[in-house]
N, C-alpha and C. Protein backbone atom coordinates (compact mmCIF):
# COMPACT_ATOMS: atom_id res chain seq x y z
N THR A 1 0.84 -1.18 0.00
CA THR A 1 0.00 0.00 0.00
C THR A 1 0.89 1.24 0.00
N LEU A 2 0.60 2.16 -0.88
CA LEU A 2 1.34 3.41 -0.98
C LEU A 2 0.67 4.46 -0.11
N MET A 3 1.41 4.96 0.88
CA MET A 3 0.87 5.97 1.77
C MET A 3 0.99 7.34 1.11
N GLU A 4 0.10 8.26 1.50
CA GLU A 4 0.03 9.58 0.86
C GLU A 4 1.34 10.34 0.87
N ASN A 5 2.13 10.25 1.95
CA ASN A 5 3.38 10.99 2.03
C ASN A 5 4.48 10.39 1.16
N MET A 6 4.22 9.24 0.50
CA MET A 6 5.24 8.58 -0.30
C MET A 6 5.18 8.94 -1.78
N TYR A 7 4.25 9.80 -2.17
CA TYR A 7 4.19 10.25 -3.56
C TYR A 7 3.65 11.68 -3.62
N ARG A 8 4.05 12.40 -4.66
CA ARG A 8 3.56 13.77 -4.87
C ARG A 8 3.52 14.05 -6.36
N VAL A 9 2.49 14.77 -6.76
CA VAL A 9 2.38 15.28 -8.13
C VAL A 9 2.79 16.74 -8.08
N SER A 10 3.58 17.18 -9.06
CA SER A 10 4.00 18.58 -9.11
C SER A 10 2.78 19.48 -9.31
N GLU A 11 2.91 20.74 -8.92
CA GLU A 11 1.81 21.70 -9.04
C GLU A 11 1.27 21.79 -10.46
N ASP A 12 2.16 21.71 -11.46
CA ASP A 12 1.71 21.81 -12.85
C ASP A 12 1.19 20.48 -13.40
N GLY A 13 1.26 19.41 -12.58
CA GLY A 13 0.73 18.11 -12.97
C GLY A 13 1.58 17.34 -13.96
N LYS A 14 2.79 17.82 -14.26
CA LYS A 14 3.64 17.18 -15.27
C LYS A 14 4.53 16.07 -14.72
N LEU A 15 4.84 16.13 -13.42
CA LEU A 15 5.74 15.14 -12.82
C LEU A 15 5.10 14.48 -11.61
N LEU A 16 5.47 13.23 -11.39
CA LEU A 16 5.06 12.47 -10.22
C LEU A 16 6.33 11.92 -9.59
N ALA A 17 6.52 12.19 -8.30
CA ALA A 17 7.69 11.68 -7.56
C ALA A 17 7.20 10.66 -6.54
N VAL A 18 7.86 9.50 -6.50
CA VAL A 18 7.47 8.41 -5.60
C VAL A 18 8.72 7.90 -4.90
N VAL A 19 8.65 7.77 -3.56
CA VAL A 19 9.78 7.18 -2.84
C VAL A 19 9.50 5.71 -2.56
N LEU A 20 10.57 4.91 -2.62
CA LEU A 20 10.48 3.46 -2.41
C LEU A 20 11.48 3.05 -1.33
N MET A 21 11.08 2.12 -0.51
CA MET A 21 11.98 1.61 0.54
C MET A 21 13.15 0.83 -0.07
N ASN A 22 12.90 0.07 -1.13
CA ASN A 22 13.93 -0.73 -1.82
C ASN A 22 14.72 -1.64 -0.87
N GLY A 23 14.09 -2.09 0.20
CA GLY A 23 14.77 -2.98 1.14
C GLY A 23 15.57 -2.25 2.21
N SER A 24 15.59 -0.92 2.16
CA SER A 24 16.36 -0.17 3.16
C SER A 24 15.73 -0.24 4.55
N ASN A 25 14.49 -0.66 4.62
CA ASN A 25 13.78 -0.78 5.89
C ASN A 25 13.91 -2.18 6.51
N LEU A 26 14.61 -3.07 5.82
CA LEU A 26 14.77 -4.45 6.31
C LEU A 26 15.99 -4.56 7.22
N PRO A 27 16.00 -5.55 8.12
CA PRO A 27 17.17 -5.75 8.98
C PRO A 27 18.43 -6.02 8.15
N VAL A 28 19.56 -5.61 8.67
CA VAL A 28 20.83 -5.77 7.96
C VAL A 28 21.09 -7.24 7.61
N ALA A 29 20.65 -8.15 8.46
CA ALA A 29 20.88 -9.58 8.22
C ALA A 29 20.02 -10.13 7.07
N ASP A 30 19.01 -9.42 6.68
CA ASP A 30 18.12 -9.86 5.59
C ASP A 30 18.86 -9.73 4.26
N SER A 31 18.79 -10.74 3.43
CA SER A 31 19.50 -10.73 2.14
C SER A 31 18.96 -9.66 1.18
N ASN A 32 17.76 -9.15 1.43
CA ASN A 32 17.19 -8.10 0.58
C ASN A 32 17.44 -6.70 1.11
N HIS A 33 18.20 -6.58 2.21
CA HIS A 33 18.50 -5.27 2.79
C HIS A 33 19.39 -4.46 1.83
N THR A 34 19.10 -3.15 1.73
CA THR A 34 19.95 -2.24 0.96
C THR A 34 20.25 -1.02 1.82
N GLU A 35 21.26 -0.27 1.44
CA GLU A 35 21.65 0.93 2.18
C GLU A 35 20.95 2.19 1.68
N HIS A 36 20.20 2.08 0.57
CA HIS A 36 19.55 3.25 -0.01
C HIS A 36 18.10 2.97 -0.36
N GLY A 37 17.27 3.98 -0.15
CA GLY A 37 15.92 3.95 -0.68
C GLY A 37 15.96 4.43 -2.12
N GLY A 38 14.80 4.54 -2.74
CA GLY A 38 14.75 4.99 -4.13
C GLY A 38 13.78 6.13 -4.32
N LEU A 39 14.04 6.93 -5.32
CA LEU A 39 13.14 8.00 -5.75
C LEU A 39 12.88 7.78 -7.23
N VAL A 40 11.62 7.54 -7.57
CA VAL A 40 11.24 7.32 -8.97
C VAL A 40 10.52 8.57 -9.47
N VAL A 41 10.90 9.01 -10.66
CA VAL A 41 10.28 10.17 -11.29
C VAL A 41 9.52 9.70 -12.52
N LEU A 42 8.26 10.10 -12.60
CA LEU A 42 7.43 9.77 -13.75
C LEU A 42 6.95 11.08 -14.38
N ALA A 43 6.84 11.10 -15.69
CA ALA A 43 6.37 12.28 -16.41
C ALA A 43 5.02 11.98 -17.05
N ARG A 44 4.17 12.98 -17.07
CA ARG A 44 2.85 12.81 -17.71
C ARG A 44 3.04 12.50 -19.18
N ASP A 45 2.30 11.49 -19.63
CA ASP A 45 2.32 11.06 -21.02
C ASP A 45 0.86 10.85 -21.42
N GLY A 46 0.22 11.90 -21.90
CA GLY A 46 -1.21 11.83 -22.19
C GLY A 46 -2.00 11.72 -20.90
N GLY A 47 -2.79 10.66 -20.77
CA GLY A 47 -3.62 10.47 -19.59
C GLY A 47 -2.98 9.62 -18.51
N THR A 48 -1.68 9.32 -18.66
CA THR A 48 -1.00 8.48 -17.68
C THR A 48 0.39 9.06 -17.39
N PHE A 49 1.18 8.34 -16.61
CA PHE A 49 2.55 8.74 -16.31
C PHE A 49 3.50 7.65 -16.78
N LYS A 50 4.68 8.06 -17.26
CA LYS A 50 5.70 7.14 -17.74
C LYS A 50 6.97 7.32 -16.91
N LYS A 51 7.54 6.20 -16.44
CA LYS A 51 8.76 6.26 -15.65
C LYS A 51 9.91 6.78 -16.50
N ILE A 52 10.61 7.81 -15.99
CA ILE A 52 11.72 8.36 -16.75
C ILE A 52 13.05 8.35 -16.00
N GLN A 53 12.99 8.16 -14.66
CA GLN A 53 14.23 8.23 -13.91
C GLN A 53 14.06 7.53 -12.56
N GLU A 54 15.14 6.90 -12.09
CA GLU A 54 15.17 6.34 -10.75
C GLU A 54 16.50 6.72 -10.11
N LEU A 55 16.44 7.28 -8.92
CA LEU A 55 17.62 7.77 -8.21
C LEU A 55 17.72 7.12 -6.84
N LYS A 56 18.94 7.03 -6.32
CA LYS A 56 19.13 6.57 -4.95
C LYS A 56 18.82 7.74 -4.02
N THR A 57 18.34 7.39 -2.84
CA THR A 57 18.10 8.39 -1.81
C THR A 57 18.45 7.76 -0.46
N GLY A 58 18.21 8.47 0.61
CA GLY A 58 18.57 7.97 1.93
C GLY A 58 17.76 6.75 2.34
N ARG A 59 18.23 6.08 3.39
CA ARG A 59 17.55 4.89 3.90
C ARG A 59 16.18 5.26 4.45
N ILE A 60 15.25 4.37 4.26
CA ILE A 60 13.88 4.47 4.76
C ILE A 60 13.27 5.85 4.44
N PRO A 61 13.09 6.15 3.16
CA PRO A 61 12.47 7.42 2.80
C PRO A 61 11.00 7.42 3.20
N GLU A 62 10.60 8.40 3.97
CA GLU A 62 9.23 8.42 4.49
C GLU A 62 8.40 9.59 3.98
N GLY A 63 8.97 10.47 3.21
CA GLY A 63 8.20 11.59 2.72
C GLY A 63 8.85 12.19 1.49
N VAL A 64 8.03 12.72 0.58
CA VAL A 64 8.51 13.39 -0.61
C VAL A 64 7.61 14.58 -0.88
N ALA A 65 8.19 15.68 -1.36
CA ALA A 65 7.40 16.88 -1.66
C ALA A 65 8.12 17.71 -2.71
N PHE A 66 7.34 18.42 -3.50
CA PHE A 66 7.88 19.44 -4.40
C PHE A 66 7.86 20.76 -3.62
N THR A 67 8.89 21.59 -3.80
CA THR A 67 8.83 22.92 -3.20
C THR A 67 7.72 23.69 -3.89
N SER A 68 7.20 24.72 -3.23
CA SER A 68 6.05 25.44 -3.79
C SER A 68 6.37 26.12 -5.12
N ASP A 69 7.65 26.43 -5.37
CA ASP A 69 8.02 27.02 -6.67
C ASP A 69 8.28 25.96 -7.73
N GLY A 70 8.22 24.67 -7.34
CA GLY A 70 8.40 23.57 -8.29
C GLY A 70 9.82 23.33 -8.75
N LYS A 71 10.80 24.00 -8.14
CA LYS A 71 12.19 23.88 -8.61
C LYS A 71 12.97 22.75 -7.95
N HIS A 72 12.43 22.18 -6.87
CA HIS A 72 13.13 21.11 -6.16
C HIS A 72 12.15 20.05 -5.67
N VAL A 73 12.68 18.84 -5.54
CA VAL A 73 11.98 17.74 -4.89
C VAL A 73 12.80 17.42 -3.64
N VAL A 74 12.11 17.24 -2.52
CA VAL A 74 12.79 16.95 -1.26
C VAL A 74 12.29 15.62 -0.72
N VAL A 75 13.24 14.79 -0.31
CA VAL A 75 12.92 13.49 0.27
C VAL A 75 13.45 13.47 1.70
N GLN A 76 12.61 13.01 2.62
CA GLN A 76 13.02 12.87 4.01
C GLN A 76 13.42 11.42 4.25
N ALA A 77 14.65 11.21 4.73
CA ALA A 77 15.15 9.87 5.06
C ALA A 77 15.17 9.74 6.58
N HIS A 78 14.46 8.73 7.07
CA HIS A 78 14.18 8.61 8.50
C HIS A 78 15.38 8.39 9.41
N PRO A 79 16.15 7.30 9.30
CA PRO A 79 17.11 7.02 10.37
C PRO A 79 18.22 8.05 10.53
N GLN A 80 18.68 8.63 9.42
CA GLN A 80 19.76 9.62 9.51
C GLN A 80 19.22 11.04 9.71
N LYS A 81 17.88 11.19 9.71
CA LYS A 81 17.25 12.51 9.85
C LYS A 81 17.81 13.47 8.80
N GLU A 82 17.73 13.04 7.55
CA GLU A 82 18.28 13.80 6.43
C GLU A 82 17.17 14.27 5.50
N LEU A 83 17.44 15.37 4.83
CA LEU A 83 16.61 15.82 3.72
C LEU A 83 17.49 15.75 2.48
N TRP A 84 17.04 14.99 1.49
CA TRP A 84 17.75 14.88 0.22
C TRP A 84 17.04 15.80 -0.76
N ILE A 85 17.77 16.73 -1.35
CA ILE A 85 17.17 17.77 -2.19
C ILE A 85 17.66 17.57 -3.63
N TYR A 86 16.71 17.49 -4.54
CA TYR A 86 17.01 17.28 -5.97
C TYR A 86 16.47 18.46 -6.77
N GLU A 87 17.25 18.97 -7.68
CA GLU A 87 16.82 20.07 -8.54
C GLU A 87 16.00 19.53 -9.70
N VAL A 88 14.86 20.17 -9.99
CA VAL A 88 14.03 19.78 -11.13
C VAL A 88 14.63 20.42 -12.38
N LYS A 89 14.95 19.59 -13.36
CA LYS A 89 15.53 20.05 -14.62
C LYS A 89 14.67 19.52 -15.75
N GLY A 90 13.61 20.25 -16.08
CA GLY A 90 12.67 19.79 -17.10
C GLY A 90 11.90 18.60 -16.58
N LYS A 91 12.07 17.45 -17.25
CA LYS A 91 11.38 16.22 -16.83
C LYS A 91 12.28 15.33 -16.00
N ARG A 92 13.47 15.79 -15.67
CA ARG A 92 14.41 14.96 -14.90
C ARG A 92 14.84 15.72 -13.65
N LEU A 93 15.43 14.98 -12.73
CA LEU A 93 15.96 15.58 -11.52
C LEU A 93 17.47 15.48 -11.51
N GLY A 94 18.11 16.54 -11.07
CA GLY A 94 19.55 16.52 -10.84
C GLY A 94 19.78 16.56 -9.34
N ARG A 95 20.88 16.06 -8.91
CA ARG A 95 21.17 16.03 -7.48
C ARG A 95 21.65 17.40 -7.05
N ALA A 96 20.92 18.08 -6.19
CA ALA A 96 21.30 19.42 -5.73
C ALA A 96 22.03 19.39 -4.40
N GLY A 97 21.93 18.30 -3.68
CA GLY A 97 22.62 18.23 -2.40
C GLY A 97 21.79 17.52 -1.35
N LYS A 98 22.41 17.29 -0.23
CA LYS A 98 21.75 16.59 0.88
C LYS A 98 21.88 17.48 2.11
N GLU A 99 20.78 17.73 2.76
CA GLU A 99 20.78 18.58 3.94
C GLU A 99 20.39 17.74 5.15
N HIS A 100 21.03 17.96 6.26
CA HIS A 100 20.69 17.27 7.50
C HIS A 100 19.71 18.11 8.31
N ALA A 101 18.69 17.46 8.85
CA ALA A 101 17.80 18.13 9.80
C ALA A 101 18.47 17.95 11.15
N ARG A 102 19.32 18.89 11.54
CA ARG A 102 20.22 18.71 12.69
C ARG A 102 19.52 18.81 14.04
N ARG A 103 18.62 19.76 14.20
CA ARG A 103 18.08 20.02 15.53
C ARG A 103 16.80 19.26 15.82
N HIS A 104 15.95 19.09 14.80
CA HIS A 104 14.65 18.47 15.04
C HIS A 104 14.34 17.46 13.96
N PHE A 105 13.72 16.40 14.33
CA PHE A 105 13.27 15.40 13.37
C PHE A 105 12.02 15.93 12.70
N LEU A 106 11.98 15.93 11.39
CA LEU A 106 10.81 16.39 10.65
C LEU A 106 9.95 15.21 10.28
N SER A 107 8.77 15.14 10.84
CA SER A 107 7.88 14.03 10.50
C SER A 107 7.35 14.23 9.09
N PRO A 108 7.07 13.14 8.36
CA PRO A 108 6.62 13.26 6.98
C PRO A 108 5.38 14.14 6.81
N ARG A 109 4.47 14.11 7.75
CA ARG A 109 3.25 14.89 7.59
C ARG A 109 3.51 16.38 7.71
N LEU A 110 4.63 16.79 8.31
CA LEU A 110 4.97 18.20 8.43
C LEU A 110 5.93 18.69 7.35
N LEU A 111 6.49 17.76 6.58
CA LEU A 111 7.50 18.10 5.59
C LEU A 111 6.99 19.11 4.57
N HIS A 112 5.81 18.92 4.03
CA HIS A 112 5.27 19.82 3.02
C HIS A 112 5.13 21.24 3.56
N ASP A 113 4.58 21.39 4.78
CA ASP A 113 4.42 22.72 5.37
C ASP A 113 5.77 23.37 5.63
N TRP A 114 6.74 22.59 6.10
CA TRP A 114 8.07 23.12 6.36
C TRP A 114 8.71 23.62 5.07
N LEU A 115 8.54 22.87 3.97
CA LEU A 115 9.13 23.29 2.69
C LEU A 115 8.51 24.58 2.19
N GLU A 116 7.21 24.75 2.36
CA GLU A 116 6.57 25.99 1.96
C GLU A 116 7.13 27.17 2.74
N LEU A 117 7.31 27.00 4.04
CA LEU A 117 7.88 28.06 4.86
C LEU A 117 9.30 28.35 4.43
N PHE A 118 10.09 27.30 4.19
CA PHE A 118 11.49 27.45 3.76
C PHE A 118 11.57 28.24 2.46
N THR A 119 10.69 27.93 1.51
CA THR A 119 10.67 28.62 0.22
C THR A 119 10.30 30.09 0.40
N GLU A 120 9.33 30.37 1.25
CA GLU A 120 8.95 31.76 1.51
C GLU A 120 10.09 32.55 2.13
N LEU A 121 10.82 31.96 3.05
CA LEU A 121 11.94 32.65 3.71
C LEU A 121 13.10 32.84 2.76
N ASP A 122 13.24 31.95 1.79
CA ASP A 122 14.35 32.00 0.84
C ASP A 122 14.19 33.12 -0.19
N THR A 123 12.96 33.59 -0.40
CA THR A 123 12.74 34.63 -1.42
C THR A 123 12.85 36.02 -0.87
C-alpha cells in the first residue's frame, strides 16, 4: 500500500515523484537489505505517467514533496534525519545536495508545510 506521504504530483501536474523503501527498511541480516531507498520520477504522457528516472536516496524514505516554486523535490530519510534535495531540470531531476535536519526530526506529515515556509523565507 502506498501511503500519501510517499508520492507527490508537481503543481503543474507534469511530474510524479514516488519514494520506495527498496529494502532499506529491512534488517541488515536480511538478504534483501539495501543501504539506499529509491526515488522514482514519472512524467505525464497523455492520460498516464511514464517512468523516466530512478535515483538513490537515503535509507527508509518516508516523505517526498515538491517545493512550492516547483524547482526542487525533497525526500526525508528517516534514520539519519536527512533531507535529500534534488533540482528539477525539465522532466528529470539533478542532485542538488543533501541537507541534514540537525536540531529536530521532521515528521513526513509536516515536511510539506516546512518546505513551503522554507521557500517563503528563501525569497
